[in-house]
Amino acid sequence: MGEQPIYTTRAHVFQIDPNTKKNWVPASKQAVTVSYFYDSSRNSYRIISVDGSKQVIINSTITPNMTFTKTSQKFGQWADSRANTVFGLGFASEQQLSKFAEKFQEVKEAAKLARDKSQETVETLSNHSQESGRETPSTNQASSINGTDDEKISSVGPEAALLKSENERLKSAIELSNTNTKKWETELQTLRENNARLVDALQESSANVETWKKQLSVCKEESDTLREKIKDLEAQCNEADQEKQKNLQLTARVQELEAELQDKEQELENLRKQAEIIPQLMAECESITNKLQAAETKNQELEGRVEGLQGDIDDSRQKQGNMKVELKKFMDVLDGKIDELHEFRQGLSKLGLDN
């Protein structure tokens, strides 16, 4: 199956400064992917991280003696003796840090079980090899005591060949185990030395924690002060925006007033022009007044005439009424005469018809 990822998260990666063993050096400019990998062929676990340029910044094989330590709410670290460094991870939240620490403990326990199982297998092979070495001479002695040479060849030959092959296999396993034991002893010694260095580094790191806490508190105070300043600046910006809005309104009002002033100036200019012709108008007005007085005088005269004419009209109306009465009488007489003439004509016509 090969190596497969079993858990993945994102974090900022740091490494301890190899010179001072105190300060952290960023291994990534931003948060990168950090994954746990399991290799089924080797039965091993690794933490691997690759940055944006495909460069490996973490390649740490988990061993049972490793410990993941939480140094703050969002930061944790562990020491890798093989890589001779200390890795640090900064997470975006406390939950991500807790999940990573839980997974680290699970992988650590699994690596411990795999190591114990490997040691039991080696011990079993070693014991089996020793027992086979002790039993082989007794079998040969029994075969040499009982039976003839032909019987020895016929009965012991296959078993001896099998035991010989088993012996060779066990010898190879023992040699491999001895080689691995020496290798493990060397690695164990290296791990102890690295562990001692890491303990010193952790002690120094713990001593620096208080300093970092003080610095963090100072940073928090500065942050609170900056936040208050930002609030004040925002308030000032709001006031400035309000003043700007008022200025815009005042500018618009000034423009309106300027337009009105121009209109008023134009009206004043017109009034000045009109004022220039006022004397002429006054003269015309006096002339008109004189004419009006003359007209009023004439009007009075005409009113007197009208009154006389009105009297004449009344007399004329009286006379006209009398004439109408007389004319009516005349018309009545005329109508009588006309009727008489009509009757006379009819009589003449009747006489003409008779003749």
Protein backbone atom coordinates (compact mmCIF):
# COMPACT_ATOMS: atom_id res chain seq x y z
CA MET A 1 0.00 0.00 0.00
CA GLY A 2 2.97 2.37 0.67
CA GLU A 3 2.72 5.55 2.74
CA GLN A 4 -0.76 7.03 3.22
CA PRO A 5 -1.91 10.29 4.97
CA ILE A 6 -4.06 9.66 8.06
CA TYR A 7 -4.58 13.25 9.32
CA THR A 8 -4.01 16.69 7.79
CA THR A 9 -4.20 20.24 9.17
CA ARG A 10 -2.73 23.69 8.49
CA ALA A 11 -0.27 25.61 10.69
CA HIS A 12 2.69 28.01 10.68
CA VAL A 13 5.95 26.00 10.94
CA PHE A 14 8.94 27.06 13.06
CA GLN A 15 12.33 25.50 13.93
CA ILE A 16 14.54 26.25 16.92
CA ASP A 17 17.57 28.38 16.14
CA PRO A 18 20.51 25.88 15.96
CA ASN A 19 22.91 28.51 17.30
CA THR A 20 21.06 29.97 20.28
CA LYS A 21 18.63 27.06 20.94
CA LYS A 22 16.25 29.76 22.21
CA ASN A 23 14.70 31.70 19.38
CA TRP A 24 12.26 30.34 16.82
CA VAL A 25 13.04 30.66 13.12
CA PRO A 26 10.02 30.64 10.72
CA ALA A 27 10.21 27.75 8.26
CA SER A 28 7.20 28.97 6.24
CA LYS A 29 6.02 32.43 5.28
CA GLN A 30 2.39 31.44 5.76
CA ALA A 31 0.26 28.58 7.05
CA VAL A 32 1.08 25.30 5.23
CA THR A 33 -0.30 21.77 5.22
CA VAL A 34 1.02 19.48 7.99
CA SER A 35 0.12 15.76 7.69
CA TYR A 36 0.57 12.49 9.58
CA PHE A 37 1.64 9.62 7.26
CA TYR A 38 1.60 5.87 7.98
CA ASP A 39 3.98 3.51 6.14
CA SER A 40 2.41 0.04 6.23
CA SER A 41 5.52 -1.67 4.80
CA ARG A 42 7.75 -0.34 7.61
CA ASN A 43 5.00 0.03 10.21
CA SER A 44 6.17 3.59 10.95
CA TYR A 45 4.61 7.04 11.30
CA ARG A 46 5.92 10.38 10.07
CA ILE A 47 4.95 14.07 10.18
CA ILE A 48 5.54 15.69 6.79
CA SER A 49 5.02 19.28 5.63
CA VAL A 50 5.79 20.86 2.25
CA ASP A 51 5.70 24.61 1.54
CA GLY A 52 4.41 26.35 -1.59
CA SER A 53 7.69 25.79 -3.47
CA LYS A 54 7.42 21.99 -2.90
CA GLN A 55 10.30 22.10 -0.41
CA VAL A 56 10.10 19.69 2.54
CA ILE A 57 10.23 21.69 5.77
CA ILE A 58 9.18 18.85 8.16
CA ASN A 59 10.17 15.18 7.83
CA SER A 60 9.97 13.77 11.34
CA THR A 61 9.55 10.06 12.17
CA ILE A 62 7.47 9.55 15.32
CA THR A 63 9.16 7.47 18.05
CA PRO A 64 7.74 6.34 21.42
CA ASN A 65 10.05 8.62 23.40
CA MET A 66 8.88 11.80 21.63
CA THR A 67 6.62 14.27 23.46
CA PHE A 68 4.40 17.00 22.03
CA THR A 69 4.22 19.99 24.40
CA LYS A 70 1.67 22.79 24.35
CA THR A 71 3.48 26.03 25.21
CA SER A 72 0.46 28.33 24.66
CA GLN A 73 -3.16 28.18 23.61
CA LYS A 74 -2.25 28.03 19.90
CA PHE A 75 1.38 26.86 19.85
CA GLY A 76 2.98 23.45 20.37
CA GLN A 77 6.41 21.85 19.85
CA TRP A 78 8.26 18.53 19.81
CA ALA A 79 11.90 17.49 19.58
CA ASP A 80 13.30 15.27 16.81
CA SER A 81 16.69 13.78 17.78
CA ARG A 82 17.32 12.34 14.32
CA ALA A 83 16.83 15.73 12.69
CA ASN A 84 18.66 17.34 15.66
CA THR A 85 16.10 20.13 15.96
CA VAL A 86 12.88 21.19 17.64
CA PHE A 87 9.80 21.80 15.53
CA GLY A 88 7.13 24.34 16.50
CA LEU A 89 3.62 24.73 15.07
CA GLY A 90 1.38 27.79 15.38
CA PHE A 91 -2.33 27.07 14.83
CA ALA A 92 -5.23 29.34 14.03
CA SER A 93 -7.32 28.06 16.98
CA GLU A 94 -6.97 26.16 20.24
CA GLN A 95 -9.19 23.35 18.88
CA GLN A 96 -6.77 22.64 16.02
CA LEU A 97 -3.87 22.48 18.49
CA SER A 98 -5.75 20.06 20.77
CA LYS A 99 -6.68 17.83 17.83
CA PHE A 100 -3.06 17.73 16.61
CA ALA A 101 -1.81 16.90 20.13
CA GLU A 102 -4.36 14.07 20.48
CA LYS A 103 -3.30 12.66 17.11
CA PHE A 104 0.36 12.90 18.14
CA GLN A 105 -0.37 10.85 21.29
CA GLU A 106 -2.28 8.23 19.24
CA VAL A 107 0.57 7.89 16.73
CA LYS A 108 3.10 7.73 19.56
CA GLU A 109 1.21 4.84 21.20
CA ALA A 110 0.95 3.05 17.84
CA ALA A 111 4.71 3.45 17.28
CA LYS A 112 5.35 2.07 20.78
CA LEU A 113 3.17 -0.99 20.08
CA ALA A 114 4.98 -1.54 16.78
CA ARG A 115 8.38 -1.36 18.54
CA ASP A 116 7.29 -3.79 21.30
CA LYS A 117 5.94 -6.19 18.73
CA SER A 118 9.21 -6.04 16.76
CA GLN A 119 11.24 -6.73 19.92
CA GLU A 120 9.03 -9.71 20.81
CA THR A 121 9.55 -11.12 17.31
CA VAL A 122 13.32 -10.76 17.61
CA GLU A 123 13.34 -12.38 21.07
CA THR A 124 11.18 -15.27 19.81
CA LEU A 125 13.53 -15.89 16.91
CA SER A 126 16.56 -15.76 19.23
CA ASN A 127 15.02 -18.22 21.71
CA HIS A 128 13.98 -20.55 18.93
CA SER A 129 17.51 -20.46 17.50
CA GLN A 130 19.05 -21.31 20.89
CA GLU A 131 16.61 -24.18 21.46
CA SER A 132 17.33 -25.56 18.00
CA GLY A 133 21.08 -25.43 18.71
CA ARG A 134 20.63 -27.34 21.96
CA GLU A 135 18.33 -30.01 20.49
CA THR A 136 20.40 -30.83 17.41
CA PRO A 137 23.30 -32.62 19.19
CA SER A 138 20.93 -34.81 21.24
CA THR A 139 19.16 -35.88 18.10
CA ASN A 140 22.44 -36.76 16.49
CA GLN A 141 23.52 -38.66 19.60
CA ALA A 142 20.26 -40.60 19.64
CA SER A 143 20.61 -41.47 16.00
CA SER A 144 24.21 -42.63 16.51
CA ILE A 145 23.31 -44.83 19.49
CA ASN A 146 20.30 -46.54 17.96
CA GLY A 147 20.53 -48.50 14.69
CA THR A 148 23.15 -49.21 12.08
CA ASP A 149 24.85 -46.76 9.72
CA ASP A 150 22.32 -47.45 6.99
CA GLU A 151 19.48 -46.74 9.40
CA LYS A 152 21.27 -43.50 10.44
CA ILE A 153 21.43 -42.34 6.85
CA SER A 154 17.84 -43.33 6.01
CA SER A 155 16.15 -41.98 9.18
CA VAL A 156 18.29 -38.97 10.24
CA GLY A 157 19.21 -37.51 6.81
CA PRO A 158 15.97 -35.52 6.03
CA GLU A 159 15.62 -34.23 9.59
CA ALA A 160 19.26 -33.13 9.66
CA ALA A 161 18.83 -31.28 6.35
CA LEU A 162 15.70 -29.54 7.67
CA LEU A 163 17.41 -28.64 10.95
CA LYS A 164 20.44 -27.41 9.08
CA SER A 165 18.36 -25.10 6.90
CA GLU A 166 16.45 -23.93 9.97
CA ASN A 167 19.76 -23.34 11.76
CA GLU A 168 21.07 -21.29 8.87
CA ARG A 169 17.88 -19.24 8.77
CA LEU A 170 18.01 -18.64 12.52
CA LYS A 171 21.70 -17.72 12.34
CA SER A 172 20.89 -15.16 9.67
CA ALA A 173 18.05 -13.82 11.83
CA ILE A 174 20.34 -13.67 14.87
CA GLU A 175 23.06 -11.88 12.91
CA LEU A 176 20.46 -9.44 11.60
CA SER A 177 19.13 -9.02 15.14
CA ASN A 178 22.64 -8.42 16.49
CA THR A 179 23.27 -5.90 13.75
CA ASN A 180 19.95 -4.19 14.47
CA THR A 181 20.70 -4.31 18.20
CA LYS A 182 23.99 -2.51 17.71
CA LYS A 183 22.26 -0.03 15.43
CA TRP A 184 19.49 0.49 17.98
CA GLU A 185 22.01 0.87 20.78
CA THR A 186 23.81 3.51 18.75
CA GLU A 187 20.52 5.24 17.97
CA LEU A 188 19.48 4.94 21.62
CA GLN A 189 22.72 6.57 22.74
CA THR A 190 22.19 9.29 20.14
CA LEU A 191 18.62 9.71 21.32
CA ARG A 192 19.76 10.01 24.93
CA GLU A 193 22.30 12.65 24.02
CA ASN A 194 19.76 14.51 21.90
CA ASN A 195 17.21 14.10 24.64
CA ALA A 196 19.61 15.67 27.13
CA ARG A 197 20.18 18.58 24.74
CA LEU A 198 16.45 18.89 24.17
CA VAL A 199 15.79 18.85 27.92
CA ASP A 200 18.22 21.75 28.24
CA ALA A 201 16.53 23.47 25.35
CA LEU A 202 13.10 22.87 26.89
CA GLN A 203 14.31 24.21 30.23
CA GLU A 204 15.62 27.31 28.49
CA SER A 205 12.35 27.51 26.57
CA SER A 206 10.41 27.23 29.83
CA ALA A 207 12.58 29.97 31.31
CA ASN A 208 11.81 32.08 28.26
CA VAL A 209 8.08 31.42 28.59
CA GLU A 210 7.81 33.91 31.45
CA THR A 211 9.64 36.50 29.39
CA TRP A 212 7.38 35.76 26.44
CA LYS A 213 4.34 36.04 28.72
CA LYS A 214 5.52 39.44 29.94
CA GLN A 215 6.18 40.50 26.37
CA LEU A 216 2.75 39.17 25.41
CA SER A 217 1.10 41.17 28.21
CA VAL A 218 3.00 44.27 27.09
CA CYS A 219 1.92 43.59 23.50
CA LYS A 220 -1.66 43.17 24.69
CA GLU A 221 -1.52 46.48 26.54
CA GLU A 222 -0.03 48.15 23.48
CA SER A 223 -2.70 46.49 21.36
CA ASP A 224 -5.44 47.79 23.68
CA THR A 225 -3.87 51.26 23.56
CA LEU A 226 -3.69 51.09 19.77
CA ARG A 227 -7.30 49.94 19.62
CA GLU A 228 -8.35 52.91 21.75
CA LYS A 229 -6.34 55.20 19.46
CA ILE A 230 -7.95 53.57 16.44
CA LYS A 231 -11.40 54.17 17.98
CA ASP A 232 -10.48 57.81 18.64
CA LEU A 233 -9.17 58.17 15.09
CA GLU A 234 -12.32 56.55 13.73
CA ALA A 235 -14.41 58.98 15.78
CA GLN A 236 -12.28 61.86 14.47
CA CYS A 237 -12.66 60.50 10.96
CA ASN A 238 -16.42 60.37 11.45
CA GLU A 239 -16.39 63.95 12.71
CA ALA A 240 -14.21 64.94 9.76
CA ASP A 241 -16.66 63.22 7.41
CA GLN A 242 -19.53 65.10 9.06
CA GLU A 243 -17.60 68.37 8.75
CA LYS A 244 -16.84 67.53 5.15
CA GLN A 245 -20.52 66.89 4.53
CA LYS A 246 -21.38 70.19 6.20
CA ASN A 247 -18.73 71.94 4.11
CA LEU A 248 -20.23 70.45 0.98
CA GLN A 249 -23.67 71.66 2.06
CA LEU A 250 -22.26 75.11 2.87
CA THR A 251 -20.46 75.21 -0.49
CA ALA A 252 -23.73 74.39 -2.25
CA ARG A 253 -25.50 77.05 -0.19
CA VAL A 254 -22.77 79.61 -1.04
CA GLN A 255 -23.17 78.80 -4.71
CA GLU A 256 -26.93 79.30 -4.41
CA LEU A 257 -26.39 82.61 -2.60
CA GLU A 258 -23.89 83.70 -5.26
CA ALA A 259 -26.46 82.92 -7.93
CA GLU A 260 -29.09 84.88 -5.99
CA LEU A 261 -26.60 87.74 -5.54
CA GLN A 262 -26.02 87.83 -9.28
CA ASP A 263 -29.79 87.97 -9.81
CA LYS A 264 -30.10 90.77 -7.27
CA GLU A 265 -27.25 92.67 -8.92
CA GLN A 266 -29.02 92.31 -12.25
CA GLU A 267 -32.23 93.58 -10.69
CA LEU A 268 -30.31 96.48 -9.12
CA GLU A 269 -28.80 97.33 -12.48
CA ASN A 270 -32.26 97.29 -14.01
CA LEU A 271 -33.51 99.52 -11.19
CA ARG A 272 -30.62 101.91 -11.80
CA LYS A 273 -31.54 102.09 -15.47
CA GLN A 274 -35.12 102.69 -14.50
CA ALA A 275 -34.03 105.35 -12.00
CA GLU A 276 -32.35 107.26 -14.82
CA ILE A 277 -35.69 107.68 -16.62
CA ILE A 278 -37.59 108.62 -13.43
CA PRO A 279 -37.21 112.44 -14.03
CA GLN A 280 -38.60 112.01 -17.51
CA LEU A 281 -41.39 109.93 -16.10
CA MET A 282 -42.01 112.59 -13.43
CA ALA A 283 -42.27 115.26 -16.15
CA GLU A 284 -44.60 113.08 -18.13
CA CYS A 285 -46.56 112.41 -14.98
CA GLU A 286 -46.95 116.20 -14.31
CA SER A 287 -48.00 116.72 -17.92
CA ILE A 288 -50.49 113.92 -17.63
CA THR A 289 -51.70 115.38 -14.33
CA ASN A 290 -52.31 118.75 -15.98
CA LYS A 291 -54.07 117.08 -18.85
CA LEU A 292 -56.10 115.11 -16.36
CA GLN A 293 -57.11 118.29 -14.53
CA ALA A 294 -58.09 119.88 -17.85
CA ALA A 295 -59.99 116.74 -18.74
CA GLU A 296 -61.73 116.84 -15.39
CA THR A 297 -62.70 120.47 -16.04
CA LYS A 298 -64.03 119.55 -19.46
CA ASN A 299 -65.73 116.57 -17.91
CA GLN A 300 -67.53 118.84 -15.46
CA GLU A 301 -68.60 121.07 -18.34
CA LEU A 302 -69.73 118.03 -20.26
CA GLU A 303 -71.61 116.78 -17.23
CA GLY A 304 -73.44 120.14 -17.13
CA ARG A 305 -74.22 119.78 -20.79
CA VAL A 306 -75.29 116.21 -20.25
CA GLU A 307 -77.64 117.32 -17.52
CA GLY A 308 -79.12 119.91 -19.91
CA LEU A 309 -79.38 117.36 -22.64
CA GLN A 310 -80.94 114.95 -20.18
CA GLY A 311 -83.62 117.55 -19.47
CA ASP A 312 -84.10 118.05 -23.20
CA ILE A 313 -84.32 114.30 -23.62
CA ASP A 314 -86.92 114.06 -20.88
CA ASP A 315 -88.96 116.82 -22.59
CA SER A 316 -88.47 115.08 -25.89
CA ARG A 317 -89.61 111.84 -24.38
CA GLN A 318 -92.67 113.58 -22.97
CA LYS A 319 -93.44 115.10 -26.33
CA GLN A 320 -92.79 111.75 -28.03
CA GLY A 321 -95.26 110.11 -25.64
CA ASN A 322 -97.88 112.69 -26.51
CA MET A 323 -97.14 112.23 -30.18
CA LYS A 324 -97.50 108.45 -29.83
CA VAL A 325 -100.93 108.94 -28.24
CA GLU A 326 -102.00 111.28 -31.02
CA LEU A 327 -100.49 108.98 -33.63
CA LYS A 328 -102.38 106.06 -32.16
CA LYS A 329 -105.58 108.03 -32.35
CA PHE A 330 -104.74 108.94 -35.95
CA MET A 331 -103.97 105.34 -36.77
CA ASP A 332 -107.26 104.26 -35.29
CA VAL A 333 -109.07 106.83 -37.41
CA LEU A 334 -107.01 105.77 -40.41
CA ASP A 335 -107.86 102.15 -39.82
CA GLY A 336 -111.55 103.08 -39.74
CA LYS A 337 -111.19 104.99 -42.98
CA ILE A 338 -109.32 102.10 -44.57
CA ASP A 339 -112.05 99.71 -43.53
CA GLU A 340 -114.61 102.01 -45.00
CA LEU A 341 -112.66 102.24 -48.26
CA HIS A 342 -112.31 98.49 -48.32
CA GLU A 343 -116.01 98.06 -47.90
CA PHE A 344 -116.60 100.69 -50.57
CA ARG A 345 -114.25 98.89 -52.95
CA GLN A 346 -115.96 95.59 -52.30
CA GLY A 347 -119.24 97.34 -53.06
CA LEU A 348 -117.89 98.72 -56.31
CA SER A 349 -116.57 95.33 -57.25
CA LYS A 350 -119.90 93.79 -56.54
CA LEU A 351 -121.63 96.39 -58.68
CA GLY A 352 -119.20 95.76 -61.53
CA LEU A 353 -119.95 92.06 -61.37
CA ASP A 354 -123.63 92.70 -61.47
CA ASN A 355 -123.31 94.89 -64.55
